[in-house]
Amino acid sequence: MASSSLPPAMEVGESRNWTELPPELTSLILHRLGAIEILENAQKVCRSWRRVCKDPSMWRKIDMHNLGDWEDMDYNLEIMCRHAVDRSQGGLVEIDIWYFGTDGLLNYIADRSSNLRSLRLTRCSQITDNGLVEAVLKLPLLEDLELSYCSLSGVSLKVLGQSCPNMKTLKLKRYPQKENDDDALAIAETMPKLRHLQLFGNGLSDTGLNAILDSCLTLEHLDLRRCFNVNLIGDLQKRCSERVKVVRHPNDSTHDIDIGSSEDEYPYGFSDIDLMSDDTEFDHYYDLTGASDYSDYDQFDYYDDMLI
């Protein structure tokens, strides 16, 4: 009885042909997938889906999330990412890269995406200070930058701030550091328009935090989890609570943050206590630069040449 009131296409037992959906609806569905899933699977379903997947509007945001097993994959993520950037035809505004990023890839993106506003790099150990700075210099519209467990010096962070006057969100996740205010002072000097700041595991002290509060007058959200050199008590705590709407304290829960396994978090076998100590035994572990740059891949049109 109830089924008789449903539209004919929704009658019980009747199947829907997903390949006949309107292109705009197909696009909404496919936008829920990451770039890897689209290129490796969705675009191979049928011709209509392939046409949607080739539309530049599908590539305004590129999410290259993976589980870090990219070296065991049957396809090359860097070449795939370059192909996705090409499909955007200059319209790319947001990109997330996990694990496999290189200096060459980052500059390839910057050269073709001058309108980029959001850049997220997670555990990209092959991206160097110089490579990151060179790329960001070409991205004056960048507003949102997230660097998770990537190599970046305070000097380079200062250059990034000077090159991106519209920076509103900065997220830096590091392995727990010794006391060091280089990042904080660079932020205070060059990023006065910040609204959201995350300094996860940073080495800043009370001095660095005060400098940020002095300069970043529009700050609304401040995340200091695992910043164990900050004494967020007394007058400093009061100042933060009065100036910033949301403050996450050094010992607050990290359940919503991807901090990896214990092996990832302490890749060289030492702990927070080791890093906070004054022992010079661990100083040489801080230099994580000089990684290989596998940026000499030839781009090819494998995906566009496939027959469906």
Protein backbone atom coordinates (compact mmCIF):
# COMPACT_ATOMS: atom_id res chain seq x y z
CA MET A 1 0.00 0.00 0.00
CA ALA A 2 2.67 2.46 1.01
CA SER A 3 4.79 1.61 -2.00
CA SER A 4 2.06 2.80 -4.41
CA SER A 5 2.59 6.42 -3.29
CA LEU A 6 6.29 6.37 -4.23
CA PRO A 7 7.60 7.70 -7.56
CA PRO A 8 7.94 4.93 -10.19
CA ALA A 9 11.75 4.91 -9.93
CA MET A 10 11.53 4.16 -6.22
CA GLU A 11 9.17 1.19 -6.41
CA VAL A 12 10.23 -1.78 -4.31
CA GLY A 13 12.55 -4.10 -6.22
CA GLU A 14 13.39 -1.55 -8.89
CA SER A 15 17.07 -0.67 -9.29
CA ARG A 16 18.57 2.71 -10.16
CA ASN A 17 21.11 3.18 -12.97
CA TRP A 18 23.75 5.33 -11.31
CA THR A 19 25.45 6.05 -14.64
CA GLU A 20 22.37 8.01 -15.76
CA LEU A 21 22.43 10.51 -12.90
CA PRO A 22 22.63 14.19 -13.92
CA PRO A 23 26.29 15.36 -14.14
CA GLU A 24 25.85 17.88 -11.32
CA LEU A 25 24.56 15.17 -8.97
CA THR A 26 27.33 12.77 -9.99
CA SER A 27 29.84 15.54 -9.27
CA LEU A 28 28.44 16.04 -5.76
CA ILE A 29 28.81 12.32 -5.06
CA LEU A 30 32.32 12.02 -6.47
CA HIS A 31 33.50 15.06 -4.50
CA ARG A 32 33.24 12.86 -1.42
CA LEU A 33 36.10 10.74 -2.73
CA GLY A 34 39.80 11.54 -2.60
CA ALA A 35 41.86 12.18 -5.72
CA ILE A 36 43.40 8.69 -5.61
CA GLU A 37 40.00 6.98 -5.52
CA ILE A 38 38.73 9.13 -8.39
CA LEU A 39 41.71 8.50 -10.66
CA GLU A 40 42.12 4.82 -9.85
CA ASN A 41 38.49 3.77 -9.60
CA ALA A 42 35.61 6.21 -10.11
CA GLN A 43 36.65 7.52 -13.51
CA LYS A 44 36.83 3.95 -14.84
CA VAL A 45 33.17 3.14 -14.09
CA CYS A 46 31.67 4.54 -17.29
CA ARG A 47 32.00 7.27 -19.89
CA SER A 48 29.60 9.65 -18.15
CA TRP A 49 31.51 9.43 -14.88
CA ARG A 50 34.76 9.88 -16.75
CA ARG A 51 33.49 13.11 -18.32
CA VAL A 52 32.58 14.42 -14.87
CA CYS A 53 35.97 13.38 -13.49
CA LYS A 54 37.75 15.36 -16.21
CA ASP A 55 35.87 18.57 -15.49
CA PRO A 56 38.25 21.19 -13.98
CA SER A 57 35.67 22.03 -11.30
CA MET A 58 36.23 18.54 -9.83
CA TRP A 59 39.83 19.50 -9.05
CA ARG A 60 39.50 22.77 -7.18
CA LYS A 61 40.31 20.67 -4.10
CA ILE A 62 42.78 17.78 -4.31
CA ASP A 63 43.08 15.37 -1.38
CA MET A 64 45.98 12.93 -1.79
CA HIS A 65 45.44 11.23 1.57
CA ASN A 66 47.04 7.80 1.91
CA LEU A 67 48.19 5.54 4.74
CA GLY A 68 51.90 5.98 4.16
CA ASP A 69 52.30 2.77 2.18
CA TRP A 70 52.79 4.63 -1.11
CA GLU A 71 56.12 2.92 -1.83
CA ASP A 72 54.26 -0.42 -2.07
CA MET A 73 51.54 0.87 -4.40
CA ASP A 74 51.26 -0.16 -8.04
CA TYR A 75 51.00 3.47 -9.13
CA ASN A 76 53.14 6.57 -8.63
CA LEU A 77 51.41 9.10 -6.38
CA GLU A 78 53.61 12.00 -7.45
CA ILE A 79 52.76 11.54 -11.12
CA MET A 80 49.11 11.05 -10.18
CA CYS A 81 49.14 14.29 -8.18
CA ARG A 82 50.69 16.22 -11.06
CA HIS A 83 47.98 14.86 -13.34
CA ALA A 84 45.29 16.02 -10.92
CA VAL A 85 46.83 19.49 -10.77
CA ASP A 86 46.83 19.65 -14.59
CA ARG A 87 43.15 18.74 -14.64
CA SER A 88 42.37 21.74 -12.43
CA GLN A 89 43.56 24.04 -15.25
CA GLY A 90 44.75 26.67 -12.78
CA GLY A 91 41.62 26.52 -10.62
CA LEU A 92 43.16 24.64 -7.68
CA VAL A 93 42.46 26.36 -4.34
CA GLU A 94 43.14 23.59 -1.79
CA ILE A 95 45.49 20.60 -1.73
CA ASP A 96 46.44 17.98 0.88
CA ILE A 97 49.55 15.84 0.39
CA TRP A 98 50.48 12.96 2.68
CA TYR A 99 53.92 11.32 2.92
CA PHE A 100 55.09 11.41 -0.70
CA GLY A 101 55.63 15.16 -1.33
CA THR A 102 58.91 16.42 -2.80
CA ASP A 103 60.40 19.82 -3.59
CA GLY A 104 59.83 19.20 -7.28
CA LEU A 105 56.15 18.33 -6.81
CA LEU A 106 55.53 21.32 -4.56
CA ASN A 107 57.00 23.72 -7.10
CA TYR A 108 55.09 22.02 -9.92
CA ILE A 109 51.90 22.78 -7.99
CA ALA A 110 52.92 26.38 -7.24
CA ASP A 111 53.82 27.09 -10.87
CA ARG A 112 50.33 26.04 -12.01
CA SER A 113 48.15 27.13 -9.07
CA SER A 114 48.66 30.82 -8.34
CA ASN A 115 45.17 30.96 -6.78
CA LEU A 116 45.97 28.32 -4.14
CA ARG A 117 44.62 29.31 -0.74
CA SER A 118 45.11 26.18 1.37
CA LEU A 119 48.15 23.90 1.53
CA ARG A 120 48.44 20.90 3.84
CA LEU A 121 51.60 18.77 4.02
CA THR A 122 51.70 15.76 6.33
CA ARG A 123 54.88 13.77 7.06
CA CYS A 124 56.52 14.87 3.80
CA SER A 125 60.12 14.23 4.85
CA GLN A 126 61.47 14.77 1.33
CA ILE A 127 60.36 18.42 1.24
CA THR A 128 63.20 20.70 2.33
CA ASP A 129 63.21 24.18 3.81
CA ASN A 130 64.41 25.70 0.56
CA GLY A 131 61.91 23.78 -1.55
CA LEU A 132 58.99 24.88 0.61
CA VAL A 133 60.05 28.53 0.61
CA GLU A 134 60.61 28.54 -3.15
CA ALA A 135 57.09 27.22 -3.72
CA VAL A 136 55.28 29.46 -1.25
CA LEU A 137 56.90 32.56 -2.74
CA LYS A 138 54.70 31.83 -5.78
CA LEU A 139 51.51 31.60 -3.70
CA PRO A 140 50.70 35.13 -2.48
CA LEU A 141 47.01 34.28 -1.90
CA LEU A 142 47.77 31.46 0.55
CA GLU A 143 45.61 31.80 3.67
CA ASP A 144 45.75 28.37 5.27
CA LEU A 145 49.00 26.44 5.82
CA GLU A 146 49.37 23.17 7.72
CA LEU A 147 52.74 21.45 8.14
CA SER A 148 52.64 18.22 10.13
CA TYR A 149 55.97 16.66 11.06
CA CYS A 150 57.79 18.35 8.18
CA SER A 151 61.18 20.04 8.31
CA LEU A 152 60.91 23.83 8.66
CA SER A 153 63.20 26.32 10.40
CA GLY A 154 62.13 29.50 12.13
CA VAL A 155 64.00 31.52 9.50
CA SER A 156 62.02 29.87 6.71
CA LEU A 157 58.78 30.35 8.61
CA LYS A 158 59.54 34.06 8.71
CA VAL A 159 59.99 34.11 4.94
CA LEU A 160 56.68 32.28 4.52
CA GLY A 161 54.91 34.88 6.65
CA GLN A 162 56.41 37.75 4.68
CA SER A 163 55.37 36.13 1.39
CA CYS A 164 51.77 35.43 2.44
CA PRO A 165 50.32 38.62 3.93
CA ASN A 166 46.82 37.12 4.05
CA MET A 167 47.72 34.13 6.24
CA LYS A 168 44.78 33.43 8.56
CA THR A 169 45.38 29.83 9.67
CA LEU A 170 48.71 28.23 10.55
CA LYS A 171 49.07 24.72 11.94
CA LEU A 172 52.52 23.40 12.83
CA LYS A 173 52.85 19.93 14.30
CA ARG A 174 56.32 18.93 15.44
CA TYR A 175 57.87 16.22 17.53
CA PRO A 176 58.24 17.59 21.09
CA GLN A 177 61.05 20.13 21.11
CA LYS A 178 63.54 21.70 23.47
CA GLU A 179 62.86 25.33 24.38
CA ASN A 180 63.09 27.41 21.23
CA ASP A 181 61.19 30.59 20.40
CA ASP A 182 62.26 30.88 16.75
CA ASP A 183 58.87 29.79 15.38
CA ALA A 184 56.92 31.99 17.78
CA LEU A 185 58.98 35.10 17.07
CA ALA A 186 58.73 34.54 13.31
CA ILE A 187 54.95 34.24 13.62
CA ALA A 188 54.70 37.34 15.79
CA GLU A 189 56.78 39.39 13.34
CA THR A 190 55.19 38.35 10.05
CA MET A 191 51.65 36.97 10.61
CA PRO A 192 49.58 39.63 12.39
CA LYS A 193 46.31 38.57 10.69
CA LEU A 194 46.26 35.04 12.09
CA ARG A 195 42.92 33.85 13.46
CA HIS A 196 43.74 30.18 14.04
CA LEU A 197 47.13 29.02 15.30
CA GLN A 198 48.16 25.51 16.23
CA LEU A 199 51.68 24.89 17.58
CA PHE A 200 51.50 21.22 18.45
CA GLY A 201 54.68 19.96 20.18
CA ASN A 202 56.41 23.30 19.67
CA GLY A 203 59.33 24.49 21.78
CA LEU A 204 58.06 28.02 22.41
CA SER A 205 58.33 29.46 25.91
CA ASP A 206 56.34 32.12 27.76
CA THR A 207 58.40 34.75 25.92
CA GLY A 208 57.36 33.44 22.53
CA LEU A 209 53.72 33.14 23.53
CA ASN A 210 53.64 36.72 24.80
CA ALA A 211 55.16 37.92 21.53
CA ILE A 212 52.37 36.17 19.60
CA LEU A 213 49.69 37.69 21.84
CA ASP A 214 51.24 41.14 21.38
CA SER A 215 51.21 40.94 17.58
CA CYS A 216 48.34 38.66 16.51
CA LEU A 217 45.46 40.81 17.69
CA THR A 218 42.74 38.95 15.74
CA LEU A 219 43.65 35.50 17.08
CA GLU A 220 40.54 33.47 17.93
CA HIS A 221 41.83 29.91 18.35
CA LEU A 222 45.16 28.94 19.93
CA ASP A 223 46.26 25.31 20.26
CA LEU A 224 49.31 24.73 22.47
CA ARG A 225 49.00 21.01 23.08
CA ARG A 226 52.33 19.33 23.94
CA CYS A 227 54.06 22.72 24.17
CA PHE A 228 55.64 21.75 27.47
CA ASN A 229 57.92 24.79 27.76
CA VAL A 230 54.95 27.10 28.23
CA ASN A 231 53.76 27.75 31.80
CA LEU A 232 50.15 28.61 31.09
CA ILE A 233 49.29 29.73 34.61
CA GLY A 234 48.66 32.98 36.44
CA ASP A 235 48.82 36.21 34.44
CA LEU A 236 49.73 34.46 31.19
CA GLN A 237 46.76 32.14 31.43
CA LYS A 238 44.49 35.08 32.22
CA ARG A 239 45.84 37.02 29.26
CA CYS A 240 45.20 34.12 26.91
CA SER A 241 41.67 33.58 28.13
CA GLU A 242 40.85 37.28 27.80
CA ARG A 243 42.38 37.68 24.35
CA VAL A 244 41.59 34.36 22.64
CA LYS A 245 38.18 32.68 22.38
CA VAL A 246 39.45 29.08 22.39
CA VAL A 247 42.72 27.99 24.03
CA ARG A 248 43.97 24.40 24.11
CA HIS A 249 46.47 23.82 26.94
CA PRO A 250 49.73 21.83 26.74
CA ASN A 251 48.30 18.85 28.59
CA ASP A 252 44.89 18.79 26.92
CA SER A 253 43.75 15.60 25.22
CA THR A 254 45.16 14.84 21.76
CA HIS A 255 42.44 12.35 20.77
CA ASP A 256 41.48 14.43 17.71
CA ILE A 257 45.06 14.74 16.41
CA ASP A 258 46.85 12.24 14.21
CA ILE A 259 50.10 11.75 16.09
CA GLY A 260 50.88 8.37 14.53
CA SER A 261 52.19 5.32 16.30
CA SER A 262 54.82 5.50 19.01
CA GLU A 263 57.35 4.49 16.38
CA ASP A 264 56.31 7.42 14.16
CA GLU A 265 56.24 9.85 17.03
CA TYR A 266 59.72 8.99 18.25
CA PRO A 267 61.38 7.77 15.06
CA TYR A 268 64.87 7.82 16.51
CA GLY A 269 64.10 6.05 19.76
CA PHE A 270 63.98 8.94 22.21
CA SER A 271 61.10 10.44 24.15
CA ASP A 272 59.66 13.78 25.27
CA ILE A 273 61.94 13.72 28.31
CA ASP A 274 65.01 13.18 26.15
CA LEU A 275 64.03 16.10 23.94
CA MET A 276 63.36 18.44 26.85
CA SER A 277 66.70 17.71 28.50
CA ASP A 278 69.83 19.83 28.09
CA ASP A 279 71.90 16.82 27.08
CA THR A 280 73.70 17.54 23.79
CA GLU A 281 73.62 13.84 22.95
CA PHE A 282 70.40 14.34 20.97
CA ASP A 283 71.24 17.62 19.19
CA HIS A 284 72.24 15.94 15.93
CA TYR A 285 68.78 14.39 15.59
CA TYR A 286 67.20 17.76 14.85
CA ASP A 287 68.64 18.06 11.35
CA LEU A 288 66.12 16.21 9.19
CA THR A 289 66.93 18.03 5.95
CA GLY A 290 68.87 16.82 2.96
CA ALA A 291 66.38 14.16 1.90
CA SER A 292 66.34 12.95 -1.69
CA ASP A 293 64.29 14.85 -4.26
CA TYR A 294 62.61 12.45 -6.66
CA SER A 295 61.20 15.26 -8.79
CA ASP A 296 62.55 14.19 -12.18
CA TYR A 297 59.54 12.13 -13.23
CA ASP A 298 58.21 12.62 -16.73
CA GLN A 299 54.54 13.47 -16.71
CA PHE A 300 52.36 11.30 -18.87
CA ASP A 301 48.72 10.98 -19.86
CA TYR A 302 48.10 7.39 -18.80
CA TYR A 303 44.69 8.15 -17.35
CA ASP A 304 43.43 10.12 -20.35
CA ASP A 305 44.62 7.44 -22.77
CA MET A 306 42.73 4.61 -21.08
CA LEU A 307 39.80 3.07 -22.91
CA ILE A 308 36.63 2.70 -20.96
